[in-house]
Amino acid sequence: MTRISLYLMGPLGVLAALWITAGRSLFGAGGSLVPVFAISFGPALAALYLLATYYAWQEVKLQRAGVSAGLPLVTALVQVVGWLLAAVFGLLVPDRVDGVTV
């Protein structure tokens, strides 16, 4: 799990930021918050995930073993919980379409 989490950290982090930003649009609920999230929350979350990915790879490089062991278990679990929370938030965040909250 830790090795898989390491390889998925960057791509799924960016996907989570895109999901929170515009995932509601897939269900016809993309409204006035999509552009707000597109210039604020989405890029900030993507940058944080990519920064975390960079430091995770640096941590793996510093390991003394000849073979990469992946991430520490706690780091991998925090990463997975972050993806799950982003998925839930993207599903539940309300938006306004034509003046009506959806």
PDB file of N, CA and C in Angstrom:
ATOM      1  N   MET A   1       0.811  -1.192   0.000  1.00  0.00           N
ATOM      2  CA  MET A   1       0.000   0.000   0.000  1.00  0.00           C
ATOM      3  C   MET A   1       0.859   1.263   0.000  1.00  0.00           C
ATOM      4  N   THR A   2       1.962   1.244   0.720  1.00  0.00           N
ATOM      5  CA  THR A   2       2.778   2.451   0.802  1.00  0.00           C
ATOM      6  C   THR A   2       3.449   2.769  -0.533  1.00  0.00           C
ATOM      7  N   ARG A   3       3.883   1.755  -1.255  1.00  0.00           N
ATOM      8  CA  ARG A   3       4.514   2.000  -2.555  1.00  0.00           C
ATOM      9  C   ARG A   3       3.489   2.520  -3.559  1.00  0.00           C
ATOM     10  N   ILE A   4       2.302   1.939  -3.567  1.00  0.00           N
ATOM     11  CA  ILE A   4       1.248   2.395  -4.472  1.00  0.00           C
ATOM     12  C   ILE A   4       0.865   3.834  -4.146  1.00  0.00           C
ATOM     13  N   SER A   5       0.742   4.142  -2.855  1.00  0.00           N
ATOM     14  CA  SER A   5       0.407   5.495  -2.433  1.00  0.00           C
ATOM     15  C   SER A   5       1.457   6.494  -2.893  1.00  0.00           C
ATOM     16  N   LEU A   6       2.696   6.098  -2.864  1.00  0.00           N
ATOM     17  CA  LEU A   6       3.774   6.985  -3.307  1.00  0.00           C
ATOM     18  C   LEU A   6       3.628   7.331  -4.784  1.00  0.00           C
ATOM     19  N   TYR A   7       3.345   6.328  -5.617  1.00  0.00           N
ATOM     20  CA  TYR A   7       3.220   6.570  -7.051  1.00  0.00           C
ATOM     21  C   TYR A   7       1.933   7.314  -7.411  1.00  0.00           C
ATOM     22  N   LEU A   8       0.886   7.146  -6.625  1.00  0.00           N
ATOM     23  CA  LEU A   8      -0.393   7.793  -6.912  1.00  0.00           C
ATOM     24  C   LEU A   8      -0.523   9.168  -6.266  1.00  0.00           C
ATOM     25  N   MET A   9       0.405   9.523  -5.393  1.00  0.00           N
ATOM     26  CA  MET A   9       0.299  10.744  -4.617  1.00  0.00           C
ATOM     27  C   MET A   9       0.100  11.986  -5.488  1.00  0.00           C
ATOM     28  N   GLY A  10       0.936  12.206  -6.450  1.00  0.00           N
ATOM     29  CA  GLY A  10       0.833  13.401  -7.299  1.00  0.00           C
ATOM     30  C   GLY A  10      -0.393  13.394  -8.199  1.00  0.00           C
ATOM     31  N   PRO A  11      -0.566  12.337  -9.019  1.00  0.00           N
ATOM     32  CA  PRO A  11      -1.714  12.338  -9.929  1.00  0.00           C
ATOM     33  C   PRO A  11      -3.071  12.399  -9.211  1.00  0.00           C
ATOM     34  N   LEU A  12      -3.237  11.639  -8.149  1.00  0.00           N
ATOM     35  CA  LEU A  12      -4.517  11.669  -7.441  1.00  0.00           C
ATOM     36  C   LEU A  12      -4.699  12.963  -6.658  1.00  0.00           C
ATOM     37  N   GLY A  13      -3.619  13.575  -6.240  1.00  0.00           N
ATOM     38  CA  GLY A  13      -3.725  14.878  -5.584  1.00  0.00           C
ATOM     39  C   GLY A  13      -4.248  15.940  -6.534  1.00  0.00           C
ATOM     40  N   VAL A  14      -3.723  15.964  -7.752  1.00  0.00           N
ATOM     41  CA  VAL A  14      -4.207  16.914  -8.763  1.00  0.00           C
ATOM     42  C   VAL A  14      -5.648  16.577  -9.144  1.00  0.00           C
ATOM     43  N   LEU A  15      -5.952  15.287  -9.279  1.00  0.00           N
ATOM     44  CA  LEU A  15      -7.319  14.875  -9.592  1.00  0.00           C
ATOM     45  C   LEU A  15      -8.284  15.290  -8.479  1.00  0.00           C
ATOM     46  N   ALA A  16      -7.864  15.170  -7.230  1.00  0.00           N
ATOM     47  CA  ALA A  16      -8.706  15.598  -6.103  1.00  0.00           C
ATOM     48  C   ALA A  16      -8.976  17.096  -6.170  1.00  0.00           C
ATOM     49  N   ALA A  17      -7.962  17.881  -6.515  1.00  0.00           N
ATOM     50  CA  ALA A  17      -8.149  19.333  -6.643  1.00  0.00           C
ATOM     51  C   ALA A  17      -9.118  19.650  -7.785  1.00  0.00           C
ATOM     52  N   LEU A  18      -8.993  18.947  -8.906  1.00  0.00           N
ATOM     53  CA  LEU A  18      -9.926  19.149 -10.017  1.00  0.00           C
ATOM     54  C   LEU A  18     -11.340  18.730  -9.643  1.00  0.00           C
ATOM     55  N   TRP A  19     -11.469  17.632  -8.913  1.00  0.00           N
ATOM     56  CA  TRP A  19     -12.781  17.139  -8.495  1.00  0.00           C
ATOM     57  C   TRP A  19     -13.479  18.160  -7.603  1.00  0.00           C
ATOM     58  N   ILE A  20     -12.748  18.702  -6.623  1.00  0.00           N
ATOM     59  CA  ILE A  20     -13.339  19.692  -5.727  1.00  0.00           C
ATOM     60  C   ILE A  20     -13.692  20.956  -6.499  1.00  0.00           C
ATOM     61  N   THR A  21     -12.853  21.333  -7.445  1.00  0.00           N
ATOM     62  CA  THR A  21     -13.085  22.553  -8.206  1.00  0.00           C
ATOM     63  C   THR A  21     -14.296  22.436  -9.122  1.00  0.00           C
ATOM     64  N   ALA A  22     -14.389  21.361  -9.901  1.00  0.00           N
ATOM     65  CA  ALA A  22     -15.421  21.298 -10.940  1.00  0.00           C
ATOM     66  C   ALA A  22     -16.157  19.975 -11.015  1.00  0.00           C
ATOM     67  N   GLY A  23     -15.990  19.085 -10.061  1.00  0.00           N
ATOM     68  CA  GLY A  23     -16.650  17.780 -10.115  1.00  0.00           C
ATOM     69  C   GLY A  23     -18.165  17.867 -10.131  1.00  0.00           C
ATOM     70  N   ARG A  24     -18.707  18.917  -9.506  1.00  0.00           N
ATOM     71  CA  ARG A  24     -20.157  19.089  -9.493  1.00  0.00           C
ATOM     72  C   ARG A  24     -20.712  19.291 -10.898  1.00  0.00           C
ATOM     73  N   SER A  25     -19.886  19.820 -11.784  1.00  0.00           N
ATOM     74  CA  SER A  25     -20.334  20.072 -13.158  1.00  0.00           C
ATOM     75  C   SER A  25     -20.721  18.782 -13.874  1.00  0.00           C
ATOM     76  N   LEU A  26     -20.114  17.668 -13.494  1.00  0.00           N
ATOM     77  CA  LEU A  26     -20.455  16.391 -14.121  1.00  0.00           C
ATOM     78  C   LEU A  26     -21.894  15.979 -13.834  1.00  0.00           C
ATOM     79  N   PHE A  27     -22.471  16.523 -12.757  1.00  0.00           N
ATOM     80  CA  PHE A  27     -23.833  16.178 -12.361  1.00  0.00           C
ATOM     81  C   PHE A  27     -24.799  17.338 -12.577  1.00  0.00           C
ATOM     82  N   GLY A  28     -24.378  18.333 -13.367  1.00  0.00           N
ATOM     83  CA  GLY A  28     -25.249  19.462 -13.667  1.00  0.00           C
ATOM     84  C   GLY A  28     -25.373  20.473 -12.550  1.00  0.00           C
ATOM     85  N   ALA A  29     -24.479  20.431 -11.578  1.00  0.00           N
ATOM     86  CA  ALA A  29     -24.553  21.354 -10.439  1.00  0.00           C
ATOM     87  C   ALA A  29     -23.379  22.313 -10.423  1.00  0.00           C
ATOM     88  N   GLY A  30     -22.740  22.510 -11.559  1.00  0.00           N
ATOM     89  CA  GLY A  30     -21.627  23.455 -11.621  1.00  0.00           C
ATOM     90  C   GLY A  30     -22.175  24.867 -11.711  1.00  0.00           C
ATOM     91  N   GLY A  31     -21.907  25.664 -10.714  1.00  0.00           N
ATOM     92  CA  GLY A  31     -22.463  27.009 -10.679  1.00  0.00           C
ATOM     93  C   GLY A  31     -21.409  28.059 -10.404  1.00  0.00           C
ATOM     94  N   SER A  32     -21.763  29.005  -9.576  1.00  0.00           N
ATOM     95  CA  SER A  32     -20.910  30.167  -9.341  1.00  0.00           C
ATOM     96  C   SER A  32     -19.656  29.850  -8.534  1.00  0.00           C
ATOM     97  N   LEU A  33     -19.620  28.721  -7.830  1.00  0.00           N
ATOM     98  CA  LEU A  33     -18.417  28.393  -7.059  1.00  0.00           C
ATOM     99  C   LEU A  33     -17.306  27.772  -7.905  1.00  0.00           C
ATOM    100  N   VAL A  34     -17.631  27.275  -9.078  1.00  0.00           N
ATOM    101  CA  VAL A  34     -16.600  26.646  -9.911  1.00  0.00           C
ATOM    102  C   VAL A  34     -15.488  27.638 -10.252  1.00  0.00           C
ATOM    103  N   PRO A  35     -15.798  28.850 -10.767  1.00  0.00           N
ATOM    104  CA  PRO A  35     -14.689  29.780 -11.033  1.00  0.00           C
ATOM    105  C   PRO A  35     -13.974  30.253  -9.769  1.00  0.00           C
ATOM    106  N   VAL A  36     -14.712  30.360  -8.662  1.00  0.00           N
ATOM    107  CA  VAL A  36     -14.084  30.778  -7.396  1.00  0.00           C
ATOM    108  C   VAL A  36     -13.075  29.723  -6.957  1.00  0.00           C
ATOM    109  N   PHE A  37     -13.489  28.451  -6.986  1.00  0.00           N
ATOM    110  CA  PHE A  37     -12.571  27.371  -6.607  1.00  0.00           C
ATOM    111  C   PHE A  37     -11.437  27.230  -7.625  1.00  0.00           C
ATOM    112  N   ALA A  38     -11.706  27.546  -8.885  1.00  0.00           N
ATOM    113  CA  ALA A  38     -10.686  27.396  -9.931  1.00  0.00           C
ATOM    114  C   ALA A  38      -9.520  28.363  -9.747  1.00  0.00           C
ATOM    115  N   ILE A  39      -9.767  29.506  -9.102  1.00  0.00           N
ATOM    116  CA  ILE A  39      -8.670  30.459  -8.904  1.00  0.00           C
ATOM    117  C   ILE A  39      -8.162  30.494  -7.469  1.00  0.00           C
ATOM    118  N   SER A  40      -8.813  29.746  -6.582  1.00  0.00           N
ATOM    119  CA  SER A  40      -8.385  29.801  -5.180  1.00  0.00           C
ATOM    120  C   SER A  40      -8.069  28.411  -4.626  1.00  0.00           C
ATOM    121  N   PHE A  41      -9.081  27.675  -4.274  1.00  0.00           N
ATOM    122  CA  PHE A  41      -8.908  26.413  -3.565  1.00  0.00           C
ATOM    123  C   PHE A  41      -8.233  25.336  -4.409  1.00  0.00           C
ATOM    124  N   GLY A  42      -8.655  25.184  -5.648  1.00  0.00           N
ATOM    125  CA  GLY A  42      -8.117  24.125  -6.516  1.00  0.00           C
ATOM    126  C   GLY A  42      -6.608  24.222  -6.715  1.00  0.00           C
ATOM    127  N   PRO A  43      -6.103  25.379  -7.177  1.00  0.00           N
ATOM    128  CA  PRO A  43      -4.650  25.490  -7.356  1.00  0.00           C
ATOM    129  C   PRO A  43      -3.858  25.351  -6.055  1.00  0.00           C
ATOM    130  N   ALA A  44      -4.408  25.872  -4.964  1.00  0.00           N
ATOM    131  CA  ALA A  44      -3.705  25.755  -3.680  1.00  0.00           C
ATOM    132  C   ALA A  44      -3.625  24.301  -3.242  1.00  0.00           C
ATOM    133  N   LEU A  45      -4.724  23.553  -3.381  1.00  0.00           N
ATOM    134  CA  LEU A  45      -4.718  22.142  -3.002  1.00  0.00           C
ATOM    135  C   LEU A  45      -3.786  21.339  -3.900  1.00  0.00           C
ATOM    136  N   ALA A  46      -3.819  21.606  -5.196  1.00  0.00           N
ATOM    137  CA  ALA A  46      -2.928  20.906  -6.121  1.00  0.00           C
ATOM    138  C   ALA A  46      -1.466  21.193  -5.784  1.00  0.00           C
ATOM    139  N   ALA A  47      -1.159  22.442  -5.476  1.00  0.00           N
ATOM    140  CA  ALA A  47       0.220  22.805  -5.120  1.00  0.00           C
ATOM    141  C   ALA A  47       0.653  22.089  -3.840  1.00  0.00           C
ATOM    142  N   LEU A  48      -0.227  22.012  -2.858  1.00  0.00           N
ATOM    143  CA  LEU A  48       0.116  21.309  -1.617  1.00  0.00           C
ATOM    144  C   LEU A  48       0.355  19.823  -1.860  1.00  0.00           C
ATOM    145  N   TYR A  49      -0.514  19.197  -2.661  1.00  0.00           N
ATOM    146  CA  TYR A  49      -0.322  17.779  -2.972  1.00  0.00           C
ATOM    147  C   TYR A  49       0.991  17.556  -3.737  1.00  0.00           C
ATOM    148  N   LEU A  50       1.295  18.433  -4.690  1.00  0.00           N
ATOM    149  CA  LEU A  50       2.534  18.270  -5.450  1.00  0.00           C
ATOM    150  C   LEU A  50       3.763  18.517  -4.575  1.00  0.00           C
ATOM    151  N   LEU A  51       3.679  19.463  -3.662  1.00  0.00           N
ATOM    152  CA  LEU A  51       4.780  19.697  -2.724  1.00  0.00           C
ATOM    153  C   LEU A  51       4.967  18.493  -1.808  1.00  0.00           C
ATOM    154  N   ALA A  52       3.869  17.927  -1.332  1.00  0.00           N
ATOM    155  CA  ALA A  52       3.950  16.725  -0.498  1.00  0.00           C
ATOM    156  C   ALA A  52       4.557  15.571  -1.286  1.00  0.00           C
ATOM    157  N   THR A  53       4.203  15.465  -2.561  1.00  0.00           N
ATOM    158  CA  THR A  53       4.767  14.417  -3.417  1.00  0.00           C
ATOM    159  C   THR A  53       6.278  14.587  -3.548  1.00  0.00           C
ATOM    160  N   TYR A  54       6.713  15.813  -3.768  1.00  0.00           N
ATOM    161  CA  TYR A  54       8.153  16.080  -3.890  1.00  0.00           C
ATOM    162  C   TYR A  54       8.890  15.655  -2.621  1.00  0.00           C
ATOM    163  N   TYR A  55       8.380  16.052  -1.460  1.00  0.00           N
ATOM    164  CA  TYR A  55       9.051  15.703  -0.209  1.00  0.00           C
ATOM    165  C   TYR A  55       8.981  14.209   0.090  1.00  0.00           C
ATOM    166  N   ALA A  56       7.899  13.566  -0.324  1.00  0.00           N
ATOM    167  CA  ALA A  56       7.811  12.111  -0.125  1.00  0.00           C
ATOM    168  C   ALA A  56       8.875  11.406  -0.951  1.00  0.00           C
ATOM    169  N   TRP A  57       9.067  11.844  -2.203  1.00  0.00           N
ATOM    170  CA  TRP A  57      10.105  11.216  -3.029  1.00  0.00           C
ATOM    171  C   TRP A  57      11.500  11.506  -2.478  1.00  0.00           C
ATOM    172  N   GLN A  58      11.718  12.693  -1.920  1.00  0.00           N
ATOM    173  CA  GLN A  58      13.008  13.002  -1.300  1.00  0.00           C
ATOM    174  C   GLN A  58      13.250  12.099  -0.096  1.00  0.00           C
ATOM    175  N   GLU A  59      12.193  11.832   0.666  1.00  0.00           N
ATOM    176  CA  GLU A  59      12.305  10.944   1.825  1.00  0.00           C
ATOM    177  C   GLU A  59      12.700   9.534   1.394  1.00  0.00           C
ATOM    178  N   VAL A  60      12.090   9.072   0.319  1.00  0.00           N
ATOM    179  CA  VAL A  60      12.402   7.726  -0.177  1.00  0.00           C
ATOM    180  C   VAL A  60      13.849   7.671  -0.672  1.00  0.00           C
ATOM    181  N   LYS A  61      14.299   8.726  -1.337  1.00  0.00           N
ATOM    182  CA  LYS A  61      15.682   8.762  -1.836  1.00  0.00           C
ATOM    183  C   LYS A  61      16.693   8.698  -0.688  1.00  0.00           C
ATOM    184  N   LEU A  62      16.325   9.244   0.453  1.00  0.00           N
ATOM    185  CA  LEU A  62      17.246   9.288   1.586  1.00  0.00           C
ATOM    186  C   LEU A  62      17.322   7.981   2.356  1.00  0.00           C
ATOM    187  N   GLN A  63      16.433   7.067   2.046  1.00  0.00           N
ATOM    188  CA  GLN A  63      16.483   5.785   2.750  1.00  0.00           C
ATOM    189  C   GLN A  63      17.801   5.080   2.428  1.00  0.00           C
ATOM    190  N   ARG A  64      18.341   4.433   3.406  1.00  0.00           N
ATOM    191  CA  ARG A  64      19.636   3.777   3.243  1.00  0.00           C
ATOM    192  C   ARG A  64      19.552   2.468   2.469  1.00  0.00           C
ATOM    193  N   ALA A  65      18.386   1.854   2.436  1.00  0.00           N
ATOM    194  CA  ALA A  65      18.229   0.563   1.756  1.00  0.00           C
ATOM    195  C   ALA A  65      18.402   0.749   0.250  1.00  0.00           C
ATOM    196  N   GLY A  66      18.830  -0.308  -0.409  1.00  0.00           N
ATOM    197  CA  GLY A  66      19.041  -0.261  -1.848  1.00  0.00           C
ATOM    198  C   GLY A  66      17.755  -0.239  -2.646  1.00  0.00           C
ATOM    199  N   VAL A  67      16.673  -0.710  -2.056  1.00  0.00           N
ATOM    200  CA  VAL A  67      15.396  -0.747  -2.757  1.00  0.00           C
ATOM    201  C   VAL A  67      14.429   0.181  -2.046  1.00  0.00           C
ATOM    202  N   SER A  68      13.700   0.959  -2.824  1.00  0.00           N
ATOM    203  CA  SER A  68      12.731   1.876  -2.241  1.00  0.00           C
ATOM    204  C   SER A  68      11.647   1.100  -1.505  1.00  0.00           C
ATOM    205  N   ALA A  69      11.392   1.500  -0.277  1.00  0.00           N
ATOM    206  CA  ALA A  69      10.380   0.824   0.524  1.00  0.00           C
ATOM    207  C   ALA A  69       9.037   1.530   0.464  1.00  0.00           C
ATOM    208  N   GLY A  70       8.954   2.630  -0.251  1.00  0.00           N
ATOM    209  CA  GLY A  70       7.710   3.385  -0.303  1.00  0.00           C
ATOM    210  C   GLY A  70       7.624   4.365   0.844  1.00  0.00           C
ATOM    211  N   LEU A  71       6.436   4.821   1.105  1.00  0.00           N
ATOM    212  CA  LEU A  71       6.209   5.794   2.167  1.00  0.00           C
ATOM    213  C   LEU A  71       6.076   5.120   3.521  1.00  0.00           C
ATOM    214  N   PRO A  72       6.349   5.860   4.587  1.00  0.00           N
ATOM    215  CA  PRO A  72       5.996   5.338   5.907  1.00  0.00           C
ATOM    216  C   PRO A  72       4.475   5.131   5.961  1.00  0.00           C
ATOM    217  N   LEU A  73       4.031   4.161   6.709  1.00  0.00           N
ATOM    218  CA  LEU A  73       2.614   3.808   6.749  1.00  0.00           C
ATOM    219  C   LEU A  73       1.738   4.989   7.154  1.00  0.00           C
ATOM    220  N   VAL A  74       2.161   5.771   8.125  1.00  0.00           N
ATOM    221  CA  VAL A  74       1.365   6.917   8.575  1.00  0.00           C
ATOM    222  C   VAL A  74       1.184   7.918   7.433  1.00  0.00           C
ATOM    223  N   THR A  75       2.224   8.178   6.689  1.00  0.00           N
ATOM    224  CA  THR A  75       2.142   9.109   5.560  1.00  0.00           C
ATOM    225  C   THR A  75       1.174   8.595   4.513  1.00  0.00           C
ATOM    226  N   ALA A  76       1.253   7.320   4.203  1.00  0.00           N
ATOM    227  CA  ALA A  76       0.349   6.727   3.216  1.00  0.00           C
ATOM    228  C   ALA A  76      -1.097   6.793   3.689  1.00  0.00           C
ATOM    229  N   LEU A  77      -1.345   6.528   4.972  1.00  0.00           N
ATOM    230  CA  LEU A  77      -2.708   6.581   5.497  1.00  0.00           C
ATOM    231  C   LEU A  77      -3.266   8.004   5.474  1.00  0.00           C
ATOM    232  N   VAL A  78      -2.451   8.975   5.831  1.00  0.00           N
ATOM    233  CA  VAL A  78      -2.892  10.370   5.784  1.00  0.00           C
ATOM    234  C   VAL A  78      -3.221  10.759   4.347  1.00  0.00           C
ATOM    235  N   GLN A  79      -2.417  10.295   3.410  1.00  0.00           N
ATOM    236  CA  GLN A  79      -2.656  10.588   2.003  1.00  0.00           C
ATOM    237  C   GLN A  79      -3.989  10.003   1.541  1.00  0.00           C
ATOM    238  N   VAL A  80      -4.259   8.759   1.865  1.00  0.00           N
ATOM    239  CA  VAL A  80      -5.505   8.104   1.464  1.00  0.00           C
ATOM    240  C   VAL A  80      -6.705   8.798   2.109  1.00  0.00           C
ATOM    241  N   VAL A  81      -6.597   9.152   3.385  1.00  0.00           N
ATOM    242  CA  VAL A  81      -7.683   9.870   4.057  1.00  0.00           C
ATOM    243  C   VAL A  81      -7.919  11.224   3.393  1.00  0.00           C
ATOM    244  N   GLY A  82      -6.858  11.894   2.987  1.00  0.00           N
ATOM    245  CA  GLY A  82      -6.989  13.168   2.274  1.00  0.00           C
ATOM    246  C   GLY A  82      -7.747  13.013   0.964  1.00  0.00           C
ATOM    247  N   TRP A  83      -7.444  11.949   0.213  1.00  0.00           N
ATOM    248  CA  TRP A  83      -8.169  11.700  -1.037  1.00  0.00           C
ATOM    249  C   TRP A  83      -9.640  11.426  -0.769  1.00  0.00           C
ATOM    250  N   LEU A  84      -9.933  10.638   0.259  1.00  0.00           N
ATOM    251  CA  LEU A  84     -11.331  10.322   0.586  1.00  0.00           C
ATOM    252  C   LEU A  84     -12.100  11.566   1.027  1.00  0.00           C
ATOM    253  N   LEU A  85     -11.474  12.396   1.837  1.00  0.00           N
ATOM    254  CA  LEU A  85     -12.122  13.633   2.266  1.00  0.00           C
ATOM    255  C   LEU A  85     -12.361  14.576   1.086  1.00  0.00           C
ATOM    256  N   ALA A  86     -11.413  14.646   0.164  1.00  0.00           N
ATOM    257  CA  ALA A  86     -11.597  15.472  -1.034  1.00  0.00           C
ATOM    258  C   ALA A  86     -12.758  14.946  -1.873  1.00  0.00           C
ATOM    259  N   ALA A  87     -12.881  13.624  -1.986  1.00  0.00           N
ATOM    260  CA  ALA A  87     -13.981  13.037  -2.757  1.00  0.00           C
ATOM    261  C   ALA A  87     -15.320  13.368  -2.115  1.00  0.00           C
ATOM    262  N   VAL A  88     -15.416  13.241  -0.803  1.00  0.00           N
ATOM    263  CA  VAL A  88     -16.669  13.538  -0.103  1.00  0.00           C
ATOM    264  C   VAL A  88     -16.991  15.030  -0.201  1.00  0.00           C
ATOM    265  N   PHE A  89     -15.991  15.870  -0.001  1.00  0.00           N
ATOM    266  CA  PHE A  89     -16.211  17.314  -0.082  1.00  0.00           C
ATOM    267  C   PHE A  89     -16.675  17.706  -1.478  1.00  0.00           C
ATOM    268  N   GLY A  90     -16.046  17.142  -2.512  1.00  0.00           N
ATOM    269  CA  GLY A  90     -16.441  17.430  -3.888  1.00  0.00           C
ATOM    270  C   GLY A  90     -17.871  17.017  -4.184  1.00  0.00           C
ATOM    271  N   LEU A  91     -18.339  15.958  -3.547  1.00  0.00           N
ATOM    272  CA  LEU A  91     -19.720  15.514  -3.740  1.00  0.00           C
ATOM    273  C   LEU A  91     -20.726  16.383  -2.990  1.00  0.00           C
ATOM    274  N   LEU A  92     -20.342  16.879  -1.818  1.00  0.00           N
ATOM    275  CA  LEU A  92     -21.301  17.533  -0.940  1.00  0.00           C
ATOM    276  C   LEU A  92     -21.268  19.056  -0.934  1.00  0.00           C
ATOM    277  N   VAL A  93     -20.260  19.672  -1.507  1.00  0.00           N
ATOM    278  CA  VAL A  93     -20.179  21.132  -1.456  1.00  0.00           C
ATOM    279  C   VAL A  93     -21.345  21.727  -2.263  1.00  0.00           C
ATOM    280  N   PRO A  94     -22.113  22.624  -1.649  1.00  0.00           N
ATOM    281  CA  PRO A  94     -23.236  23.217  -2.377  1.00  0.00           C
ATOM    282  C   PRO A  94     -22.748  24.253  -3.378  1.00  0.00           C
ATOM    283  N   ASP A  95     -23.563  24.534  -4.343  1.00  0.00           N
ATOM    284  CA  ASP A  95     -23.247  25.539  -5.354  1.00  0.00           C
ATOM    285  C   ASP A  95     -24.539  26.243  -5.733  1.00  0.00           C
ATOM    286  N   ARG A  96     -24.430  27.365  -6.418  1.00  0.00           N
ATOM    287  CA  ARG A  96     -25.616  28.096  -6.865  1.00  0.00           C
ATOM    288  C   ARG A  96     -25.671  28.061  -8.388  1.00  0.00           C
ATOM    289  N   VAL A  97     -26.791  27.566  -8.900  1.00  0.00           N
ATOM    290  CA  VAL A  97     -27.043  27.522 -10.334  1.00  0.00           C
ATOM    291  C   VAL A  97     -28.316  28.307 -10.590  1.00  0.00           C
ATOM    292  N   ASP A  98     -28.223  29.365 -11.385  1.00  0.00           N
ATOM    293  CA  ASP A  98     -29.366  30.223 -11.685  1.00  0.00           C
ATOM    294  C   ASP A  98     -30.039  30.740 -10.426  1.00  0.00           C
ATOM    295  N   GLY A  99     -29.238  31.099  -9.424  1.00  0.00           N
ATOM    296  CA  GLY A  99     -29.761  31.666  -8.188  1.00  0.00           C
ATOM    297  C   GLY A  99     -30.336  30.674  -7.201  1.00  0.00           C
ATOM    298  N   VAL A 100     -30.266  29.387  -7.516  1.00  0.00           N
ATOM    299  CA  VAL A 100     -30.821  28.357  -6.639  1.00  0.00           C
ATOM    300  C   VAL A 100     -29.664  27.513  -6.099  1.00  0.00           C
ATOM    301  N   THR A 101     -29.657  27.280  -4.782  1.00  0.00           N
ATOM    302  CA  THR A 101     -28.621  26.443  -4.178  1.00  0.00           C
ATOM    303  C   THR A 101     -28.901  24.989  -4.516  1.00  0.00           C
ATOM    304  N   VAL A 102     -27.887  24.327  -5.052  1.00  0.00           N
ATOM    305  CA  VAL A 102     -28.011  22.895  -5.401  1.00  0.00           C
ATOM    306  C   VAL A 102     -26.959  22.104  -4.682  1.00  0.00           C
TER     307      VAL A 102
END
